[in-house]
């Protein structure tokens, strides 16, 4: 077992799926709020950096404030690095005791699939109807996987 490159495939019986996904939806909500605070801190730090760069360059650096909306990409990079990394979870997910796995293999998600997952989330949350459909799927499924989880082949479980 030590020399196997990957953990065995997860074939959870239904009672086991209920155990590892119990309370996941509410924990995901709180984890998202924590992640918003973490990302907001990054944006504030970038803004402070631009402000001081503007002072040093006698106002020329303040033109970078027009590029500040591009910091929305920080959300996607943040998810790709944290979910696709060794911890398999964002800061908020770790705090709430969650992690992301591939339900077929039990391994963590790749950075690319984590970035696509985040992109699907931000596209869905931009319109109420898509977001409502996404969340509704999670409430009716036994494994509590949202639509974006199904599309990217991910599963959020309790760590």
Protein backbone atom coordinates (compact mmCIF):
# COMPACT_ATOMS: atom_id res chain seq x y z
CA UNK A 1 0.00 0.00 0.00
CA UNK A 2 2.93 2.35 0.61
CA UNK A 3 4.19 2.16 -2.97
CA UNK A 4 0.86 2.95 -4.63
CA UNK A 5 0.94 6.36 -6.32
CA UNK A 6 -2.68 7.27 -5.58
CA UNK A 7 -5.20 6.48 -2.88
CA UNK A 8 -7.78 3.86 -3.79
CA UNK A 9 -10.97 4.88 -5.55
CA UNK A 10 -13.64 6.11 -3.18
CA UNK A 11 -16.74 3.99 -3.36
CA UNK A 12 -18.65 5.34 -0.41
CA UNK A 13 -21.79 3.54 0.70
CA UNK A 14 -24.71 5.93 1.11
CA UNK A 15 -24.32 6.19 4.89
CA UNK A 16 -20.64 7.13 4.44
CA UNK A 17 -21.49 9.88 1.92
CA UNK A 18 -23.97 11.27 4.42
CA UNK A 19 -21.27 11.34 7.11
CA UNK A 20 -18.61 13.16 5.06
CA UNK A 21 -21.08 15.65 3.53
CA UNK A 22 -23.20 16.40 6.59
CA UNK A 23 -23.44 20.16 7.12
CA UNK A 24 -21.33 20.95 4.07
CA UNK A 25 -23.69 23.52 2.53
CA UNK A 26 -23.83 25.77 5.60
CA UNK A 27 -20.08 25.41 6.10
CA UNK A 28 -19.49 26.39 2.48
CA UNK A 29 -21.50 29.59 3.03
CA UNK A 30 -19.41 30.63 6.04
CA UNK A 31 -16.19 29.61 4.30
CA UNK A 32 -17.12 31.85 1.36
CA UNK A 33 -17.63 34.82 3.69
CA UNK A 34 -14.23 34.21 5.29
CA UNK A 35 -12.64 33.99 1.83
CA UNK A 36 -14.26 37.30 0.88
CA UNK A 37 -12.54 38.93 3.83
CA UNK A 38 -9.18 37.39 2.89
CA UNK A 39 -9.48 38.57 -0.71
CA UNK A 40 -10.68 42.02 0.40
CA UNK A 41 -7.50 42.32 2.46
CA UNK A 42 -5.44 41.54 -0.66
CA UNK A 43 -7.29 44.22 -2.64
CA UNK A 44 -6.75 46.75 0.16
CA UNK A 45 -3.03 45.93 0.23
CA UNK A 46 -2.82 46.37 -3.55
CA UNK A 47 -4.66 49.70 -3.26
CA UNK A 48 -2.27 50.90 -0.58
CA UNK A 49 0.66 49.85 -2.77
CA UNK A 50 -0.77 51.79 -5.72
CA UNK A 51 -1.32 54.82 -3.49
CA UNK A 52 2.30 54.89 -2.31
CA UNK A 53 3.54 54.18 -5.83
CA UNK A 54 1.57 57.24 -6.93
CA UNK A 55 3.25 59.35 -4.28
CA UNK A 56 6.70 58.12 -5.29
CA UNK A 57 6.04 58.72 -9.01
CA UNK A 58 4.46 62.15 -8.38
CA UNK A 59 0.99 60.98 -9.35
CA UNK A 60 1.79 58.83 -12.37
CA UNK A 61 1.33 55.58 -10.45
CA UNK A 62 -2.24 56.51 -9.52
CA UNK A 63 -3.23 55.59 -13.05
CA UNK A 64 -3.02 51.98 -11.90
CA UNK A 65 -6.25 52.53 -9.96
CA UNK A 66 -8.01 52.18 -13.32
CA UNK A 67 -6.66 48.61 -13.48
CA UNK A 68 -7.97 47.82 -9.99
CA UNK A 69 -11.08 46.03 -11.34
CA UNK A 70 -8.68 43.44 -12.75
CA UNK A 71 -8.13 42.35 -9.18
CA UNK A 72 -11.28 40.29 -9.69
CA UNK A 73 -8.88 37.78 -11.20
CA UNK A 74 -7.45 37.41 -7.70
CA UNK A 75 -10.56 35.39 -6.82
CA UNK A 76 -9.82 32.84 -9.50
CA UNK A 77 -6.08 32.69 -8.80
CA UNK A 78 -6.79 32.41 -5.06
CA UNK A 79 -9.03 29.38 -5.64
CA UNK A 80 -6.63 27.78 -8.10
CA UNK A 81 -3.68 28.08 -5.72
CA UNK A 82 -5.45 27.11 -2.50
CA UNK A 83 -7.86 24.41 -3.71
CA UNK A 84 -5.37 23.07 -6.23
CA UNK A 85 -2.61 23.05 -3.62
CA UNK A 86 -1.65 20.56 -0.94
CA UNK A 87 -4.28 21.74 1.56
CA UNK A 88 -7.12 21.11 -0.94
CA UNK A 89 -9.06 24.03 0.53
CA UNK A 90 -9.20 27.80 0.68
CA UNK A 91 -8.46 29.59 3.94
CA UNK A 92 -12.18 29.77 4.75
CA UNK A 93 -12.70 26.11 3.90
CA UNK A 94 -9.83 25.09 6.17
CA UNK A 95 -11.27 27.18 8.98
CA UNK A 96 -14.69 25.54 8.51
CA UNK A 97 -13.22 22.03 8.28
CA UNK A 98 -13.80 21.37 4.57
CA UNK A 99 -11.64 20.14 1.72
CA UNK A 100 -12.08 19.44 -1.98
CA UNK A 101 -11.58 15.99 -3.47
CA UNK A 102 -12.16 14.19 -6.72
CA UNK A 103 -14.91 11.71 -5.76
CA UNK A 104 -13.62 9.11 -8.23
CA UNK A 105 -10.07 8.95 -6.89
CA UNK A 106 -10.05 10.66 -3.50
CA UNK A 107 -7.18 12.91 -4.57
CA UNK A 108 -7.25 16.68 -4.51
CA UNK A 109 -8.31 18.83 -7.41
CA UNK A 110 -5.87 20.20 -9.96
CA UNK A 111 -5.22 23.96 -10.03
CA UNK A 112 -6.88 24.18 -13.46
CA UNK A 113 -10.08 22.48 -12.34
CA UNK A 114 -10.09 24.66 -9.20
CA UNK A 115 -9.83 27.79 -11.36
CA UNK A 116 -12.65 26.59 -13.64
CA UNK A 117 -14.73 25.80 -10.55
CA UNK A 118 -14.21 29.36 -9.28
CA UNK A 119 -15.04 30.78 -12.70
CA UNK A 120 -18.29 28.80 -12.80
CA UNK A 121 -19.13 30.09 -9.33
CA UNK A 122 -18.61 33.74 -10.23
CA UNK A 123 -20.56 33.35 -13.47
CA UNK A 124 -23.42 31.69 -11.57
CA UNK A 125 -23.47 34.24 -8.78
CA UNK A 126 -23.62 37.08 -11.30
CA UNK A 127 -27.21 36.10 -12.11
CA UNK A 128 -29.66 35.04 -9.44
CA UNK A 129 -31.33 32.37 -11.56
CA UNK A 130 -28.11 30.49 -12.35
CA UNK A 131 -26.99 30.71 -8.74
CA UNK A 132 -30.37 29.50 -7.47
CA UNK A 133 -30.27 26.50 -9.83
CA UNK A 134 -26.70 25.75 -8.75
CA UNK A 135 -27.57 25.76 -5.05
CA UNK A 136 -30.87 23.93 -5.56
CA UNK A 137 -29.01 20.99 -7.08
CA UNK A 138 -26.89 20.82 -3.92
CA UNK A 139 -29.94 20.71 -1.67
CA UNK A 140 -31.62 17.87 -3.55
CA UNK A 141 -28.56 15.63 -4.01
CA UNK A 142 -27.51 13.21 -1.29
CA UNK A 143 -23.83 14.06 -1.70
CA UNK A 144 -24.55 17.83 -1.46
CA UNK A 145 -22.66 18.61 -4.68
CA UNK A 146 -23.65 21.81 -6.43
CA UNK A 147 -24.00 21.99 -10.19
CA UNK A 148 -20.55 23.54 -10.58
CA UNK A 149 -19.10 20.68 -8.52
CA UNK A 150 -20.65 18.18 -10.91
CA UNK A 151 -19.38 20.05 -13.96
CA UNK A 152 -15.80 20.14 -12.67
CA UNK A 153 -15.76 16.69 -11.05
CA UNK A 154 -15.22 17.94 -7.51
CA UNK A 155 -16.73 17.10 -4.14
CA UNK A 156 -16.58 19.18 -0.97
CA UNK A 157 -16.26 16.99 2.12
CA UNK A 158 -15.61 17.51 5.79
CA UNK A 159 -11.91 17.26 6.51
